[in-house]
Amino acid sequence: TPDIRSQIDSLTDPPQRAARPAGLPVDGILLTHAHVGHY
């Protein structure tokens, strides 16, 4: 969504974010469809 930055932050705390593989904020994104709020 357009709010993806804070939404990914909500899944982790600072130590977990620091431990994530470089360039991989999540392990996958699954898309429902091509309307503006979803991709």
PDB file of all heavy atoms in Angstrom:
ATOM      1  N   THR A   1       0.820  -1.205   0.000  1.00  0.00           N
ATOM      2  CA  THR A   1       0.000   0.000   0.000  1.00  0.00           C
ATOM      3  C   THR A   1       0.859   1.263   0.000  1.00  0.00           C
ATOM      4  O   THR A   1       2.074   1.207   0.220  1.00  0.00           O
ATOM      5  CB  THR A   1      -0.919   0.036   1.234  1.00  0.00           C
ATOM      6  OG1 THR A   1      -0.194   0.593   2.349  1.00  0.00           O
ATOM      7  CG2 THR A   1      -1.447  -1.332   1.600  1.00  0.00           C
ATOM      8  N   PRO A   2       0.244   2.434  -0.195  1.00  0.00           N
ATOM      9  CA  PRO A   2       1.001   3.686  -0.072  1.00  0.00           C
ATOM     10  C   PRO A   2       1.581   3.899   1.328  1.00  0.00           C
ATOM     11  O   PRO A   2       2.447   4.764   1.503  1.00  0.00           O
ATOM     12  CB  PRO A   2      -0.047   4.758  -0.412  1.00  0.00           C
ATOM     13  CG  PRO A   2      -1.045   4.053  -1.266  1.00  0.00           C
ATOM     14  CD  PRO A   2      -1.123   2.665  -0.711  1.00  0.00           C
ATOM     15  N   ASP A   3       1.123   3.125   2.313  1.00  0.00           N
ATOM     16  CA  ASP A   3       1.637   3.242   3.687  1.00  0.00           C
ATOM     17  C   ASP A   3       2.668   2.166   3.999  1.00  0.00           C
ATOM     18  O   ASP A   3       2.925   1.857   5.170  1.00  0.00           O
ATOM     19  CB  ASP A   3       0.477   3.135   4.684  1.00  0.00           C
ATOM     20  CG  ASP A   3      -0.487   4.300   4.583  1.00  0.00           C
ATOM     21  OD1 ASP A   3      -0.021   5.445   4.467  1.00  0.00           O
ATOM     22  OD2 ASP A   3      -1.713   4.067   4.613  1.00  0.00           O
ATOM     23  N   ILE A   4       3.306   1.597   3.000  1.00  0.00           N
ATOM     24  CA  ILE A   4       4.170   0.436   3.195  1.00  0.00           C
ATOM     25  C   ILE A   4       5.327   0.708   4.147  1.00  0.00           C
ATOM     26  O   ILE A   4       5.769  -0.186   4.876  1.00  0.00           O
ATOM     27  CB  ILE A   4       4.687  -0.088   1.843  1.00  0.00           C
ATOM     28  CG1 ILE A   4       5.344  -1.465   1.999  1.00  0.00           C
ATOM     29  CG2 ILE A   4       5.622   0.917   1.197  1.00  0.00           C
ATOM     30  CD1 ILE A   4       5.701  -2.116   0.675  1.00  0.00           C
ATOM     31  N   ARG A   5       5.839   1.929   4.185  1.00  0.00           N
ATOM     32  CA  ARG A   5       7.006   2.194   5.034  1.00  0.00           C
ATOM     33  C   ARG A   5       6.680   1.958   6.503  1.00  0.00           C
ATOM     34  O   ARG A   5       7.388   1.219   7.205  1.00  0.00           O
ATOM     35  CB  ARG A   5       7.500   3.627   4.814  1.00  0.00           C
ATOM     36  CG  ARG A   5       8.089   3.855   3.427  1.00  0.00           C
ATOM     37  CD  ARG A   5       8.476   5.310   3.220  1.00  0.00           C
ATOM     38  NE  ARG A   5       7.309   6.187   3.329  1.00  0.00           N
ATOM     39  CZ  ARG A   5       7.357   7.513   3.413  1.00  0.00           C
ATOM     40  NH1 ARG A   5       8.544   8.118   3.447  1.00  0.00           N
ATOM     41  NH2 ARG A   5       6.264   8.228   3.460  1.00  0.00           N
ATOM     42  N   SER A   6       5.617   2.562   6.989  1.00  0.00           N
ATOM     43  CA  SER A   6       5.265   2.366   8.395  1.00  0.00           C
ATOM     44  C   SER A   6       4.723   0.967   8.637  1.00  0.00           C
ATOM     45  O   SER A   6       4.874   0.417   9.732  1.00  0.00           O
ATOM     46  CB  SER A   6       4.250   3.416   8.848  1.00  0.00           C
ATOM     47  OG  SER A   6       2.991   3.217   8.224  1.00  0.00           O
ATOM     48  N   GLN A   7       4.106   0.375   7.626  1.00  0.00           N
ATOM     49  CA  GLN A   7       3.553  -0.965   7.813  1.00  0.00           C
ATOM     50  C   GLN A   7       4.649  -2.004   7.983  1.00  0.00           C
ATOM     51  O   GLN A   7       4.545  -2.891   8.840  1.00  0.00           O
ATOM     52  CB  GLN A   7       2.621  -1.302   6.640  1.00  0.00           C
ATOM     53  CG  GLN A   7       1.326  -0.504   6.707  1.00  0.00           C
ATOM     54  CD  GLN A   7       0.468  -0.599   5.461  1.00  0.00           C
ATOM     55  OE1 GLN A   7       0.985  -0.797   4.356  1.00  0.00           O
ATOM     56  NE2 GLN A   7      -0.832  -0.434   5.611  1.00  0.00           N
ATOM     57  N   ILE A   8       5.714  -1.910   7.221  1.00  0.00           N
ATOM     58  CA  ILE A   8       6.845  -2.820   7.425  1.00  0.00           C
ATOM     59  C   ILE A   8       7.483  -2.568   8.785  1.00  0.00           C
ATOM     60  O   ILE A   8       7.845  -3.506   9.506  1.00  0.00           O
ATOM     61  CB  ILE A   8       7.861  -2.683   6.287  1.00  0.00           C
ATOM     62  CG1 ILE A   8       7.274  -3.266   4.987  1.00  0.00           C
ATOM     63  CG2 ILE A   8       9.172  -3.388   6.636  1.00  0.00           C
ATOM     64  CD1 ILE A   8       8.173  -3.119   3.784  1.00  0.00           C
ATOM     65  N   ASP A   9       7.600  -1.294   9.171  1.00  0.00           N
ATOM     66  CA  ASP A   9       8.154  -0.991  10.486  1.00  0.00           C
ATOM     67  C   ASP A   9       7.323  -1.617  11.601  1.00  0.00           C
ATOM     68  O   ASP A   9       7.862  -2.028  12.637  1.00  0.00           O
ATOM     69  CB  ASP A   9       8.237   0.519  10.698  1.00  0.00           C
ATOM     70  CG  ASP A   9       9.343   1.174   9.889  1.00  0.00           C
ATOM     71  OD1 ASP A   9      10.213   0.446   9.366  1.00  0.00           O
ATOM     72  OD2 ASP A   9       9.332   2.420   9.779  1.00  0.00           O
ATOM     73  N   SER A  10       6.005  -1.711  11.406  1.00  0.00           N
ATOM     74  CA  SER A  10       5.134  -2.272  12.433  1.00  0.00           C
ATOM     75  C   SER A  10       5.359  -3.766  12.633  1.00  0.00           C
ATOM     76  O   SER A  10       4.948  -4.319  13.658  1.00  0.00           O
ATOM     77  CB  SER A  10       3.663  -2.035  12.066  1.00  0.00           C
ATOM     78  OG  SER A  10       3.355  -0.655  12.090  1.00  0.00           O
ATOM     79  N   LEU A  11       5.971  -4.424  11.664  1.00  0.00           N
ATOM     80  CA  LEU A  11       6.217  -5.859  11.780  1.00  0.00           C
ATOM     81  C   LEU A  11       7.482  -6.176  12.567  1.00  0.00           C
ATOM     82  O   LEU A  11       7.700  -7.331  12.949  1.00  0.00           O
ATOM     83  CB  LEU A  11       6.334  -6.493  10.389  1.00  0.00           C
ATOM     84  CG  LEU A  11       5.046  -6.606   9.571  1.00  0.00           C
ATOM     85  CD1 LEU A  11       5.362  -7.209   8.203  1.00  0.00           C
ATOM     86  CD2 LEU A  11       4.016  -7.455  10.297  1.00  0.00           C
ATOM     87  N   THR A  12       8.337  -5.177  12.786  1.00  0.00           N
ATOM     88  CA  THR A  12       9.637  -5.432  13.402  1.00  0.00           C
ATOM     89  C   THR A  12       9.953  -4.364  14.437  1.00  0.00           C
ATOM     90  O   THR A  12       9.363  -3.286  14.451  1.00  0.00           O
ATOM     91  CB  THR A  12      10.754  -5.416  12.340  1.00  0.00           C
ATOM     92  OG1 THR A  12      10.720  -4.159  11.638  1.00  0.00           O
ATOM     93  CG2 THR A  12      10.589  -6.545  11.341  1.00  0.00           C
ATOM     94  N   ASP A  13      10.926  -4.691  15.304  1.00  0.00           N
ATOM     95  CA  ASP A  13      11.475  -3.680  16.197  1.00  0.00           C
ATOM     96  C   ASP A  13      12.878  -3.331  15.697  1.00  0.00           C
ATOM     97  O   ASP A  13      13.398  -3.980  14.784  1.00  0.00           O
ATOM     98  CB  ASP A  13      11.496  -4.177  17.646  1.00  0.00           C
ATOM     99  CG  ASP A  13      12.269  -5.476  17.826  1.00  0.00           C
ATOM    100  OD1 ASP A  13      13.215  -5.746  17.042  1.00  0.00           O
ATOM    101  OD2 ASP A  13      11.926  -6.250  18.735  1.00  0.00           O
ATOM    102  N   PRO A  14      13.516  -2.296  16.249  1.00  0.00           N
ATOM    103  CA  PRO A  14      14.825  -1.873  15.707  1.00  0.00           C
ATOM    104  C   PRO A  14      15.873  -2.981  15.638  1.00  0.00           C
ATOM    105  O   PRO A  14      16.555  -3.102  14.607  1.00  0.00           O
ATOM    106  CB  PRO A  14      15.240  -0.732  16.654  1.00  0.00           C
ATOM    107  CG  PRO A  14      13.930  -0.143  17.088  1.00  0.00           C
ATOM    108  CD  PRO A  14      13.000  -1.319  17.240  1.00  0.00           C
ATOM    109  N   PRO A  15      16.050  -3.824  16.675  1.00  0.00           N
ATOM    110  CA  PRO A  15      17.053  -4.891  16.541  1.00  0.00           C
ATOM    111  C   PRO A  15      16.737  -5.860  15.404  1.00  0.00           C
ATOM    112  O   PRO A  15      17.643  -6.321  14.695  1.00  0.00           O
ATOM    113  CB  PRO A  15      17.006  -5.593  17.908  1.00  0.00           C
ATOM    114  CG  PRO A  15      16.482  -4.564  18.844  1.00  0.00           C
ATOM    115  CD  PRO A  15      15.500  -3.773  18.049  1.00  0.00           C
ATOM    116  N   GLN A  16      15.450  -6.175  15.226  1.00  0.00           N
ATOM    117  CA  GLN A  16      15.079  -7.077  14.134  1.00  0.00           C
ATOM    118  C   GLN A  16      15.343  -6.442  12.779  1.00  0.00           C
ATOM    119  O   GLN A  16      15.800  -7.109  11.848  1.00  0.00           O
ATOM    120  CB  GLN A  16      13.610  -7.464  14.270  1.00  0.00           C
ATOM    121  CG  GLN A  16      13.317  -8.380  15.450  1.00  0.00           C
ATOM    122  CD  GLN A  16      11.831  -8.564  15.678  1.00  0.00           C
ATOM    123  OE1 GLN A  16      11.019  -7.704  15.332  1.00  0.00           O
ATOM    124  NE2 GLN A  16      11.455  -9.678  16.277  1.00  0.00           N
ATOM    125  N   ARG A  17      15.057  -5.134  12.655  1.00  0.00           N
ATOM    126  CA  ARG A  17      15.334  -4.453  11.399  1.00  0.00           C
ATOM    127  C   ARG A  17      16.820  -4.471  11.085  1.00  0.00           C
ATOM    128  O   ARG A  17      17.235  -4.660   9.937  1.00  0.00           O
ATOM    129  CB  ARG A  17      14.803  -3.018  11.440  1.00  0.00           C
ATOM    130  CG  ARG A  17      13.286  -2.938  11.330  1.00  0.00           C
ATOM    131  CD  ARG A  17      12.832  -1.532  11.037  1.00  0.00           C
ATOM    132  NE  ARG A  17      12.937  -0.646  12.188  1.00  0.00           N
ATOM    133  CZ  ARG A  17      12.020  -0.535  13.134  1.00  0.00           C
ATOM    134  NH1 ARG A  17      10.928  -1.287  13.096  1.00  0.00           N
ATOM    135  NH2 ARG A  17      12.168   0.308  14.135  1.00  0.00           N
ATOM    136  N   ALA A  18      17.639  -4.281  12.120  1.00  0.00           N
ATOM    137  CA  ALA A  18      19.088  -4.272  11.916  1.00  0.00           C
ATOM    138  C   ALA A  18      19.609  -5.646  11.509  1.00  0.00           C
ATOM    139  O   ALA A  18      20.627  -5.755  10.813  1.00  0.00           O
ATOM    140  CB  ALA A  18      19.788  -3.809  13.189  1.00  0.00           C
ATOM    141  N   ALA A  19      18.903  -6.696  11.925  1.00  0.00           N
ATOM    142  CA  ALA A  19      19.352  -8.058  11.632  1.00  0.00           C
ATOM    143  C   ALA A  19      18.847  -8.582  10.291  1.00  0.00           C
ATOM    144  O   ALA A  19      19.258  -9.664   9.858  1.00  0.00           O
ATOM    145  CB  ALA A  19      18.894  -8.993  12.755  1.00  0.00           C
ATOM    146  N   ARG A  20      17.963  -7.838   9.623  1.00  0.00           N
ATOM    147  CA  ARG A  20      17.426  -8.301   8.350  1.00  0.00           C
ATOM    148  C   ARG A  20      18.533  -8.347   7.285  1.00  0.00           C
ATOM    149  O   ARG A  20      19.479  -7.557   7.323  1.00  0.00           O
ATOM    150  CB  ARG A  20      16.333  -7.342   7.857  1.00  0.00           C
ATOM    151  CG  ARG A  20      15.058  -7.328   8.670  1.00  0.00           C
ATOM    152  CD  ARG A  20      14.210  -8.541   8.443  1.00  0.00           C
ATOM    153  NE  ARG A  20      13.950  -8.761   7.027  1.00  0.00           N
ATOM    154  CZ  ARG A  20      13.405  -9.891   6.550  1.00  0.00           C
ATOM    155  NH1 ARG A  20      13.102 -10.875   7.384  1.00  0.00           N
ATOM    156  NH2 ARG A  20      13.185 -10.024   5.266  1.00  0.00           N
ATOM    157  N   PRO A  21      18.418  -9.263   6.323  1.00  0.00           N
ATOM    158  CA  PRO A  21      19.381  -9.255   5.205  1.00  0.00           C
ATOM    159  C   PRO A  21      19.347  -7.913   4.478  1.00  0.00           C
ATOM    160  O   PRO A  21      18.291  -7.299   4.328  1.00  0.00           O
ATOM    161  CB  PRO A  21      18.863 -10.390   4.304  1.00  0.00           C
ATOM    162  CG  PRO A  21      18.063 -11.273   5.207  1.00  0.00           C
ATOM    163  CD  PRO A  21      17.445 -10.367   6.225  1.00  0.00           C
ATOM    164  N   ALA A  22      20.478  -7.461   4.028  1.00  0.00           N
ATOM    165  CA  ALA A  22      20.564  -6.165   3.354  1.00  0.00           C
ATOM    166  C   ALA A  22      19.641  -6.116   2.146  1.00  0.00           C
ATOM    167  O   ALA A  22      19.635  -7.027   1.309  1.00  0.00           O
ATOM    168  CB  ALA A  22      22.009  -5.902   2.918  1.00  0.00           C
ATOM    169  N   GLY A  23      18.848  -5.071   2.074  1.00  0.00           N
ATOM    170  CA  GLY A  23      17.985  -4.868   0.926  1.00  0.00           C
ATOM    171  C   GLY A  23      16.734  -5.720   0.897  1.00  0.00           C
ATOM    172  O   GLY A  23      16.037  -5.756  -0.118  1.00  0.00           O
ATOM    173  N   LEU A  24      16.438  -6.412   2.001  1.00  0.00           N
ATOM    174  CA  LEU A  24      15.279  -7.311   2.030  1.00  0.00           C
ATOM    175  C   LEU A  24      14.425  -6.992   3.258  1.00  0.00           C
ATOM    176  O   LEU A  24      14.538  -7.655   4.287  1.00  0.00           O
ATOM    177  CB  LEU A  24      15.732  -8.768   2.055  1.00  0.00           C
ATOM    178  CG  LEU A  24      14.668  -9.816   1.723  1.00  0.00           C
ATOM    179  CD1 LEU A  24      14.280  -9.740   0.242  1.00  0.00           C
ATOM    180  CD2 LEU A  24      15.172 -11.218   2.048  1.00  0.00           C
ATOM    181  N   PRO A  25      13.583  -5.971   3.186  1.00  0.00           N
ATOM    182  CA  PRO A  25      12.792  -5.577   4.356  1.00  0.00           C
ATOM    183  C   PRO A  25      11.743  -6.602   4.758  1.00  0.00           C
ATOM    184  O   PRO A  25      11.377  -6.691   5.931  1.00  0.00           O
ATOM    185  CB  PRO A  25      12.132  -4.271   3.900  1.00  0.00           C
ATOM    186  CG  PRO A  25      12.041  -4.399   2.411  1.00  0.00           C
ATOM    187  CD  PRO A  25      13.279  -5.133   2.010  1.00  0.00           C
ATOM    188  N   VAL A  26      11.248  -7.372   3.790  1.00  0.00           N
ATOM    189  CA  VAL A  26      10.337  -8.485   4.063  1.00  0.00           C
ATOM    190  C   VAL A  26      10.741  -9.640   3.155  1.00  0.00           C
ATOM    191  O   VAL A  26      11.486  -9.469   2.190  1.00  0.00           O
ATOM    192  CB  VAL A  26       8.854  -8.113   3.811  1.00  0.00           C
ATOM    193  CG1 VAL A  26       8.347  -7.103   4.829  1.00  0.00           C
ATOM    194  CG2 VAL A  26       8.647  -7.613   2.383  1.00  0.00           C
ATOM    195  N   ASP A  27      10.230 -10.823   3.476  1.00  0.00           N
ATOM    196  CA  ASP A  27      10.599 -12.008   2.706  1.00  0.00           C
ATOM    197  C   ASP A  27       9.677 -12.258   1.524  1.00  0.00           C
ATOM    198  O   ASP A  27       9.912 -13.181   0.741  1.00  0.00           O
ATOM    199  CB  ASP A  27      10.613 -13.228   3.627  1.00  0.00           C
ATOM    200  CG  ASP A  27      11.673 -13.103   4.699  1.00  0.00           C
ATOM    201  OD1 ASP A  27      12.864 -13.228   4.364  1.00  0.00           O
ATOM    202  OD2 ASP A  27      11.314 -12.854   5.874  1.00  0.00           O
ATOM    203  N   GLY A  28       8.645 -11.446   1.398  1.00  0.00           N
ATOM    204  CA  GLY A  28       7.768 -11.575   0.244  1.00  0.00           C
ATOM    205  C   GLY A  28       6.549 -10.693   0.363  1.00  0.00           C
ATOM    206  O   GLY A  28       6.139 -10.315   1.469  1.00  0.00           O
ATOM    207  N   ILE A  29       5.998 -10.325  -0.790  1.00  0.00           N
ATOM    208  CA  ILE A  29       4.776  -9.527  -0.872  1.00  0.00           C
ATOM    209  C   ILE A  29       3.837 -10.250  -1.828  1.00  0.00           C
ATOM    210  O   ILE A  29       4.244 -10.668  -2.918  1.00  0.00           O
ATOM    211  CB  ILE A  29       5.065  -8.105  -1.389  1.00  0.00           C
ATOM    212  CG1 ILE A  29       6.022  -7.372  -0.436  1.00  0.00           C
ATOM    213  CG2 ILE A  29       3.775  -7.311  -1.566  1.00  0.00           C
ATOM    214  CD1 ILE A  29       6.539  -6.046  -0.978  1.00  0.00           C
ATOM    215  N   LEU A  30       2.579 -10.419  -1.414  1.00  0.00           N
ATOM    216  CA  LEU A  30       1.580 -11.055  -2.248  1.00  0.00           C
ATOM    217  C   LEU A  30       0.535 -10.014  -2.626  1.00  0.00           C
ATOM    218  O   LEU A  30      -0.047  -9.372  -1.746  1.00  0.00           O
ATOM    219  CB  LEU A  30       0.919 -12.235  -1.531  1.00  0.00           C
ATOM    220  CG  LEU A  30       1.827 -13.440  -1.233  1.00  0.00           C
ATOM    221  CD1 LEU A  30       2.590 -13.232   0.080  1.00  0.00           C
ATOM    222  CD2 LEU A  30       1.006 -14.723  -1.137  1.00  0.00           C
ATOM    223  N   LEU A  31       0.294  -9.838  -3.916  1.00  0.00           N
ATOM    224  CA  LEU A  31      -0.577  -8.773  -4.396  1.00  0.00           C
ATOM    225  C   LEU A  31      -1.965  -9.310  -4.733  1.00  0.00           C
ATOM    226  O   LEU A  31      -2.091 -10.343  -5.405  1.00  0.00           O
ATOM    227  CB  LEU A  31       0.017  -8.116  -5.632  1.00  0.00           C
ATOM    228  CG  LEU A  31       1.403  -7.478  -5.460  1.00  0.00           C
ATOM    229  CD1 LEU A  31       1.879  -6.910  -6.795  1.00  0.00           C
ATOM    230  CD2 LEU A  31       1.386  -6.393  -4.389  1.00  0.00           C
ATOM    231  N   THR A  32      -3.002  -8.569  -4.302  1.00  0.00           N
ATOM    232  CA  THR A  32      -4.361  -8.964  -4.647  1.00  0.00           C
ATOM    233  C   THR A  32      -4.750  -8.490  -6.038  1.00  0.00           C
ATOM    234  O   THR A  32      -5.299  -9.258  -6.834  1.00  0.00           O
ATOM    235  CB  THR A  32      -5.375  -8.426  -3.633  1.00  0.00           C
ATOM    236  OG1 THR A  32      -5.256  -6.997  -3.552  1.00  0.00           O
ATOM    237  CG2 THR A  32      -5.167  -9.053  -2.263  1.00  0.00           C
ATOM    238  N   HIS A  33      -4.460  -7.214  -6.381  1.00  0.00           N
ATOM    239  CA  HIS A  33      -4.878  -6.692  -7.681  1.00  0.00           C
ATOM    240  C   HIS A  33      -4.260  -5.319  -7.926  1.00  0.00           C
ATOM    241  O   HIS A  33      -3.546  -4.780  -7.066  1.00  0.00           O
ATOM    242  CB  HIS A  33      -6.404  -6.637  -7.789  1.00  0.00           C
ATOM    243  CG  HIS A  33      -7.079  -5.717  -6.813  1.00  0.00           C
ATOM    244  ND1 HIS A  33      -7.036  -5.898  -5.444  1.00  0.00           N
ATOM    245  CD2 HIS A  33      -7.842  -4.614  -7.003  1.00  0.00           C
ATOM    246  CE1 HIS A  33      -7.732  -4.956  -4.846  1.00  0.00           C
ATOM    247  NE2 HIS A  33      -8.219  -4.157  -5.767  1.00  0.00           N
ATOM    248  N   ALA A  34      -4.573  -4.747  -9.090  1.00  0.00           N
ATOM    249  CA  ALA A  34      -3.907  -3.531  -9.554  1.00  0.00           C
ATOM    250  C   ALA A  34      -4.728  -2.276  -9.323  1.00  0.00           C
ATOM    251  O   ALA A  34      -4.821  -1.415 -10.203  1.00  0.00           O
ATOM    252  CB  ALA A  34      -3.550  -3.665 -11.034  1.00  0.00           C
ATOM    253  N   HIS A  35      -5.306  -2.127  -8.139  1.00  0.00           N
ATOM    254  CA  HIS A  35      -5.905  -0.852  -7.754  1.00  0.00           C
ATOM    255  C   HIS A  35      -4.937  -0.121  -6.841  1.00  0.00           C
ATOM    256  O   HIS A  35      -4.131  -0.726  -6.133  1.00  0.00           O
ATOM    257  CB  HIS A  35      -7.263  -1.073  -7.091  1.00  0.00           C
ATOM    258  CG  HIS A  35      -8.342  -1.456  -8.069  1.00  0.00           C
ATOM    259  ND1 HIS A  35      -9.556  -1.987  -7.692  1.00  0.00           N
ATOM    260  CD2 HIS A  35      -8.375  -1.383  -9.428  1.00  0.00           C
ATOM    261  CE1 HIS A  35     -10.302  -2.222  -8.764  1.00  0.00           C
ATOM    262  NE2 HIS A  35      -9.597  -1.857  -9.827  1.00  0.00           N
ATOM    263  N   VAL A  36      -5.045   1.198  -6.814  1.00  0.00           N
ATOM    264  CA  VAL A  36      -3.979   2.056  -6.309  1.00  0.00           C
ATOM    265  C   VAL A  36      -3.533   1.724  -4.883  1.00  0.00           C
ATOM    266  O   VAL A  36      -2.358   1.859  -4.552  1.00  0.00           O
ATOM    267  CB  VAL A  36      -4.406   3.537  -6.430  1.00  0.00           C
ATOM    268  CG1 VAL A  36      -5.590   3.850  -5.514  1.00  0.00           C
ATOM    269  CG2 VAL A  36      -3.239   4.466  -6.147  1.00  0.00           C
ATOM    270  N   GLY A  37      -4.441   1.282  -4.036  1.00  0.00           N
ATOM    271  CA  GLY A  37      -4.072   1.018  -2.656  1.00  0.00           C
ATOM    272  C   GLY A  37      -3.416  -0.317  -2.426  1.00  0.00           C
ATOM    273  O   GLY A  37      -3.036  -0.630  -1.292  1.00  0.00           O
ATOM    274  N   HIS A  38      -3.225  -1.118  -3.477  1.00  0.00           N
ATOM    275  CA  HIS A  38      -2.812  -2.502  -3.281  1.00  0.00           C
ATOM    276  C   HIS A  38      -1.446  -2.848  -3.866  1.00  0.00           C
ATOM    277  O   HIS A  38      -0.916  -3.907  -3.561  1.00  0.00           O
ATOM    278  CB  HIS A  38      -3.884  -3.427  -3.867  1.00  0.00           C
ATOM    279  CG  HIS A  38      -5.218  -3.243  -3.215  1.00  0.00           C
ATOM    280  ND1 HIS A  38      -5.657  -4.035  -2.170  1.00  0.00           N
ATOM    281  CD2 HIS A  38      -6.205  -2.335  -3.433  1.00  0.00           C
ATOM    282  CE1 HIS A  38      -6.862  -3.634  -1.789  1.00  0.00           C
ATOM    283  NE2 HIS A  38      -7.212  -2.595  -2.531  1.00  0.00           N
ATOM    284  N   TYR A  39      -0.883  -1.975  -4.693  1.00  0.00           N
ATOM    285  CA  TYR A  39       0.423  -2.300  -5.271  1.00  0.00           C
ATOM    286  C   TYR A  39       1.376  -1.108  -5.330  1.00  0.00           C
ATOM    287  O   TYR A  39       2.591  -1.288  -5.473  1.00  0.00           O
ATOM    288  CB  TYR A  39       0.251  -2.872  -6.685  1.00  0.00           C
ATOM    289  CG  TYR A  39      -0.033  -1.820  -7.729  1.00  0.00           C
ATOM    290  CD1 TYR A  39       0.993  -1.279  -8.503  1.00  0.00           C
ATOM    291  CD2 TYR A  39      -1.325  -1.328  -7.928  1.00  0.00           C
ATOM    292  CE1 TYR A  39       0.736  -0.290  -9.453  1.00  0.00           C
ATOM    293  CE2 TYR A  39      -1.591  -0.350  -8.868  1.00  0.00           C
ATOM    294  CZ  TYR A  39      -0.568   0.164  -9.620  1.00  0.00           C
ATOM    295  OH  TYR A  39      -0.818   1.145 -10.547  1.00  0.00           O
TER     296      TYR A  39
END
